[in-house]
Amino acid sequence: MTELKKIIDIIKKLRDPIDGCPWDRKQTHYSLLPYLLEETYELVEAINSKKKDNIKEELGDVLLQILLHTEIASEKNNYDIKDIINSLSDKLVRRHPHVFKKKEKLNEEQLKAQWNKIKKLEGKRDETYNPYSGINPYLPIMLKTIEIGKISSEFKFDWKDYKGPLSKVKEELHEVIIENKKEKINQKKMEEEIGDLLFSVINLARHLNVNPEISLMQSNKKFIKRFNLMTNNYGGKQKFINAKPKKKEELWNKAKKSLK
């Protein structure tokens, strides 16, 4: 594919030890990790915005990260782009025997069981020892919590519906309130209670088919928009700092209303 070769050649040039870019040349798998995470989140935000040009641009930025990692590995003779593509192709065919071999129709439950069985054979998850060992340790913590909940559900250790985790959220919130009322707060205990509360909220999101990462991202974005509108309309940072609480609440409600 001409286009793929073109971008690979550009990456090679950027990484050239003599004529390349000093920044690109010094990067390693580990130094690039923050950029990979950042670009992935920007892609999520672009998809959420539903703007085609933004999605295309962010897909390109994620592809750049993949190709940089590939080139670093290739320089060490570990593997190259062909190895990655062949490995991925083999895995997709292996994990979809109902498409590439038997040509049989499976329902969602059967597909899930088949997928997990194949992954187990690949050594991705040793359910006899630790059913959670197949979870990517580098997943964002909320997505990791979702995966823990899904695996627990496979073992029939889960709430029947959203009412279960909703009740648990109320219970854990009550425990946080009780802990906070103590004369001397045990910080370690408080961290534990907040952790239990967050765990319950994320499981509530799972039962409601809501992605907590995207949900929180949207809330952050909404808060920033409202806050910027509120402070700018009132004359900037210093004037806002000196405003009375009642005035700030009034400005906040006005910003909320105008951005609906």
Protein backbone atom coordinates (compact mmCIF):
# COMPACT_ATOMS: atom_id res chain seq x y z
CA MET A 1 0.00 0.00 0.00
CA THR A 2 1.66 3.20 -1.27
CA GLU A 3 0.18 5.48 1.42
CA LEU A 4 1.35 3.21 4.25
CA LYS A 5 4.87 3.01 2.79
CA LYS A 6 4.92 6.82 2.48
CA ILE A 7 4.17 7.44 6.17
CA ILE A 8 6.55 4.67 7.28
CA ASP A 9 9.34 6.29 5.24
CA ILE A 10 8.55 9.65 6.87
CA ILE A 11 8.80 8.08 10.35
CA LYS A 12 12.11 6.45 9.40
CA LYS A 13 13.42 9.82 8.25
CA LEU A 14 12.32 11.49 11.50
CA ARG A 15 14.13 8.76 13.46
CA ASP A 16 17.29 8.86 11.33
CA PRO A 17 20.31 9.05 13.70
CA ILE A 18 22.07 11.66 11.53
CA ASP A 19 19.49 13.68 9.58
CA GLY A 20 16.40 13.05 11.70
CA CYS A 21 14.52 15.25 14.17
CA PRO A 22 16.24 15.43 17.61
CA TRP A 23 12.91 15.07 19.44
CA ASP A 24 11.64 12.07 17.44
CA ARG A 25 15.08 10.46 17.51
CA LYS A 26 15.35 10.39 21.31
CA GLN A 27 11.90 8.91 21.95
CA THR A 28 11.47 5.44 23.47
CA HIS A 29 8.47 3.18 24.09
CA TYR A 30 8.26 4.57 27.64
CA SER A 31 8.76 8.25 26.81
CA LEU A 32 5.94 8.04 24.24
CA LEU A 33 3.40 6.56 26.67
CA PRO A 34 1.94 9.93 27.82
CA TYR A 35 1.48 11.00 24.18
CA LEU A 36 -0.24 7.73 23.29
CA LEU A 37 -2.69 8.20 26.16
CA GLU A 38 -3.24 11.87 25.32
CA GLU A 39 -3.89 11.18 21.62
CA THR A 40 -6.25 8.32 22.48
CA TYR A 41 -8.32 10.56 24.75
CA GLU A 42 -8.36 13.27 22.07
CA LEU A 43 -9.69 10.70 19.61
CA VAL A 44 -12.43 9.74 22.08
CA GLU A 45 -13.36 13.41 22.43
CA ALA A 46 -13.37 13.87 18.64
CA ILE A 47 -15.66 10.86 18.17
CA ASN A 48 -17.91 12.25 20.86
CA SER A 49 -18.06 15.59 19.02
CA LYS A 50 -19.23 13.75 15.84
CA LYS A 51 -17.07 16.04 13.68
CA LYS A 52 -15.65 14.01 10.78
CA ASP A 53 -12.58 16.18 10.18
CA ASN A 54 -11.64 16.08 13.88
CA ILE A 55 -12.01 12.30 13.97
CA LYS A 56 -9.85 11.93 10.85
CA GLU A 57 -7.13 14.15 12.33
CA GLU A 58 -7.11 12.38 15.70
CA LEU A 59 -7.05 8.94 14.05
CA GLY A 60 -3.93 10.14 12.23
CA ASP A 61 -2.35 11.24 15.52
CA VAL A 62 -3.03 7.82 17.09
CA LEU A 63 -1.62 6.14 13.97
CA LEU A 64 1.52 8.26 14.32
CA GLN A 65 2.02 6.91 17.85
CA ILE A 66 1.57 3.32 16.64
CA LEU A 67 4.08 3.82 13.82
CA LEU A 68 6.62 5.47 16.13
CA HIS A 69 6.43 2.49 18.49
CA THR A 70 6.70 0.15 15.50
CA GLU A 71 9.78 1.92 14.16
CA ILE A 72 11.48 1.83 17.59
CA ALA A 73 10.89 -1.94 17.71
CA SER A 74 12.05 -2.35 14.12
CA GLU A 75 15.33 -0.55 14.86
CA LYS A 76 16.04 -3.17 17.54
CA ASN A 77 15.09 -6.00 15.14
CA ASN A 78 12.23 -7.00 17.43
CA TYR A 79 9.40 -6.77 14.88
CA ASP A 80 8.15 -4.48 12.11
CA ILE A 81 4.81 -3.34 10.66
CA LYS A 82 4.43 -6.57 8.64
CA ASP A 83 4.82 -8.67 11.79
CA ILE A 84 2.17 -6.58 13.57
CA ILE A 85 -0.30 -6.81 10.68
CA ASN A 86 0.25 -10.57 10.26
CA SER A 87 -0.13 -11.17 14.01
CA LEU A 88 -3.35 -9.14 14.11
CA SER A 89 -4.74 -10.88 11.01
CA ASP A 90 -4.02 -14.32 12.48
CA LYS A 91 -5.65 -13.35 15.79
CA LEU A 92 -8.81 -11.99 14.14
CA VAL A 93 -9.23 -15.15 12.05
CA ARG A 94 -8.49 -17.38 15.06
CA ARG A 95 -10.99 -15.58 17.29
CA HIS A 96 -13.76 -15.59 14.66
CA PRO A 97 -14.06 -19.26 13.63
CA HIS A 98 -17.80 -18.76 13.09
CA VAL A 99 -16.91 -16.36 10.25
CA PHE A 100 -13.77 -17.85 8.70
CA LYS A 101 -14.24 -21.60 9.33
CA LYS A 102 -17.59 -23.08 10.35
CA LYS A 103 -19.79 -20.28 8.99
CA GLU A 104 -22.33 -20.74 11.78
CA LYS A 105 -24.65 -18.21 13.38
CA LEU A 106 -24.09 -17.62 17.08
CA ASN A 107 -26.04 -15.47 19.51
CA GLU A 108 -24.34 -12.90 21.74
CA GLU A 109 -23.92 -15.29 24.70
CA GLN A 110 -22.38 -17.98 22.48
CA LEU A 111 -20.00 -15.45 20.90
CA LYS A 112 -18.87 -14.26 24.32
CA ALA A 113 -18.27 -17.83 25.54
CA GLN A 114 -16.35 -18.69 22.37
CA TRP A 115 -14.21 -15.53 22.63
CA ASN A 116 -13.27 -16.24 26.26
CA LYS A 117 -12.52 -19.90 25.49
CA ILE A 118 -10.15 -18.94 22.67
CA LYS A 119 -8.47 -16.26 24.80
CA LYS A 120 -7.97 -18.83 27.55
CA LEU A 121 -6.33 -21.22 25.10
CA GLU A 122 -4.05 -18.37 24.05
CA GLY A 123 -2.99 -18.00 27.66
CA LYS A 124 -4.63 -14.60 28.07
CA ARG A 125 -6.60 -15.62 31.15
CA ASP A 126 -6.01 -18.42 33.62
CA GLU A 127 -9.46 -18.73 35.18
CA THR A 128 -8.37 -21.62 37.45
CA TYR A 129 -5.98 -19.30 39.25
CA ASN A 130 -6.84 -15.63 38.69
CA PRO A 131 -9.74 -14.76 36.37
CA TYR A 132 -8.66 -11.10 36.41
CA SER A 133 -5.10 -11.73 35.17
CA GLY A 134 -6.13 -11.03 31.56
CA ILE A 135 -7.07 -7.42 32.32
CA ASN A 136 -4.66 -4.94 30.81
CA PRO A 137 -2.82 -3.39 33.82
CA TYR A 138 -2.42 -0.11 31.91
CA LEU A 139 -6.13 0.45 31.32
CA PRO A 140 -7.52 3.70 32.77
CA ILE A 141 -8.70 2.81 36.27
CA MET A 142 -12.41 3.25 35.53
CA LEU A 143 -12.27 0.98 32.48
CA LYS A 144 -10.32 -1.56 34.53
CA THR A 145 -13.12 -1.47 37.13
CA ILE A 146 -15.65 -2.11 34.36
CA GLU A 147 -13.64 -5.15 33.22
CA ILE A 148 -13.50 -6.49 36.80
CA GLY A 149 -17.28 -6.20 36.97
CA LYS A 150 -17.75 -7.98 33.63
CA ILE A 151 -15.54 -10.90 34.65
CA SER A 152 -17.29 -11.17 38.03
CA SER A 153 -20.59 -11.27 36.15
CA GLU A 154 -19.33 -14.26 34.13
CA PHE A 155 -19.04 -16.08 37.48
CA LYS A 156 -22.64 -15.10 38.33
CA PHE A 157 -21.33 -12.79 41.05
CA ASP A 158 -23.12 -9.59 40.15
CA TRP A 159 -26.25 -7.58 40.80
CA LYS A 160 -29.37 -8.55 38.88
CA ASP A 161 -29.92 -5.02 37.54
CA TYR A 162 -28.99 -1.36 38.19
CA LYS A 163 -30.98 -1.28 41.45
CA GLY A 164 -28.30 -3.36 43.19
CA PRO A 165 -25.35 -1.03 42.57
CA LEU A 166 -27.61 2.00 43.11
CA SER A 167 -28.42 0.72 46.61
CA LYS A 168 -24.70 0.06 47.14
CA VAL A 169 -23.86 3.66 46.11
CA LYS A 170 -26.25 4.94 48.78
CA GLU A 171 -24.76 2.58 51.36
CA GLU A 172 -21.16 3.57 50.57
CA LEU A 173 -22.03 7.29 50.53
CA HIS A 174 -23.58 6.91 53.97
CA GLU A 175 -20.34 5.28 55.21
CA VAL A 176 -18.31 8.22 53.85
CA ILE A 177 -20.60 10.64 55.70
CA ILE A 178 -20.25 8.66 58.95
CA GLU A 179 -16.46 8.56 58.62
CA ASN A 180 -16.37 12.30 57.95
CA LYS A 181 -18.37 13.04 61.12
CA LYS A 182 -15.74 11.48 63.38
CA GLU A 183 -13.78 13.87 65.57
CA LYS A 184 -10.51 12.53 64.21
CA ILE A 185 -10.73 11.37 60.60
CA ASN A 186 -8.65 8.33 59.68
CA GLN A 187 -7.28 9.34 56.27
CA LYS A 188 -6.54 5.75 55.23
CA LYS A 189 -10.06 4.68 56.20
CA MET A 190 -11.53 7.66 54.33
CA GLU A 191 -9.57 6.71 51.18
CA GLU A 192 -10.94 3.18 51.49
CA GLU A 193 -14.54 4.42 51.84
CA ILE A 194 -14.18 6.84 48.89
CA GLY A 195 -12.70 3.96 46.85
CA ASP A 196 -15.69 1.75 47.69
CA LEU A 197 -18.05 4.57 46.71
CA LEU A 198 -16.31 5.10 43.36
CA PHE A 199 -16.26 1.34 42.71
CA SER A 200 -20.03 1.24 43.28
CA VAL A 201 -20.69 4.28 41.05
CA ILE A 202 -18.68 2.74 38.20
CA ASN A 203 -20.57 -0.53 38.54
CA LEU A 204 -23.83 1.43 38.46
CA ALA A 205 -22.62 2.97 35.18
CA ARG A 206 -21.84 -0.54 33.85
CA HIS A 207 -25.36 -1.74 34.61
CA LEU A 208 -26.79 1.34 32.88
CA ASN A 209 -24.53 0.78 29.82
CA VAL A 210 -22.75 4.07 30.41
CA ASN A 211 -19.00 4.41 29.80
CA PRO A 212 -17.79 6.26 32.94
CA GLU A 213 -14.64 7.59 31.21
CA ILE A 214 -16.66 9.27 28.45
CA SER A 215 -19.35 10.36 30.90
CA LEU A 216 -16.83 12.08 33.18
CA MET A 217 -15.02 13.57 30.19
CA GLN A 218 -18.30 15.16 29.05
CA SER A 219 -18.98 16.48 32.56
CA ASN A 220 -15.49 18.01 32.77
CA LYS A 221 -15.98 19.67 29.40
CA LYS A 222 -19.41 20.98 30.44
CA PHE A 223 -18.03 22.34 33.74
CA ILE A 224 -15.14 24.15 32.00
CA LYS A 225 -17.50 25.78 29.47
CA ARG A 226 -19.84 27.00 32.20
CA PHE A 227 -17.00 28.17 34.44
CA ASN A 228 -15.27 30.12 31.65
CA LEU A 229 -18.54 31.78 30.63
CA MET A 230 -19.33 32.63 34.25
CA THR A 231 -15.94 34.20 35.07
CA ASN A 232 -15.52 36.02 31.74
CA ASN A 233 -19.00 37.54 31.92
CA TYR A 234 -18.25 38.83 35.42
CA GLY A 235 -15.01 40.55 34.52
CA GLY A 236 -12.28 37.96 35.01
CA LYS A 237 -10.51 36.09 37.78
CA GLN A 238 -9.86 38.74 40.44
CA LYS A 239 -13.34 40.23 40.36
CA PHE A 240 -14.87 36.75 40.52
CA ILE A 241 -12.68 35.74 43.49
CA ASN A 242 -13.95 38.75 45.44
CA ALA A 243 -17.61 38.08 44.62
CA LYS A 244 -19.90 36.84 47.40
CA PRO A 245 -21.03 33.18 47.40
CA LYS A 246 -24.62 34.16 46.60
CA LYS A 247 -23.44 36.13 43.55
CA LYS A 248 -21.30 33.20 42.36
CA GLU A 249 -24.28 30.86 42.63
CA GLU A 250 -26.38 33.33 40.63
CA LEU A 251 -23.68 33.55 37.91
CA TRP A 252 -23.34 29.77 37.80
CA ASN A 253 -27.07 29.23 37.33
CA LYS A 254 -27.12 31.89 34.61
CA ALA A 255 -24.22 30.16 32.79
CA LYS A 256 -25.99 26.79 33.09
CA LYS A 257 -29.17 28.22 31.61
CA SER A 258 -27.43 29.96 28.69
CA LEU A 259 -25.48 26.81 27.68
CA LYS A 260 -28.46 24.44 27.67
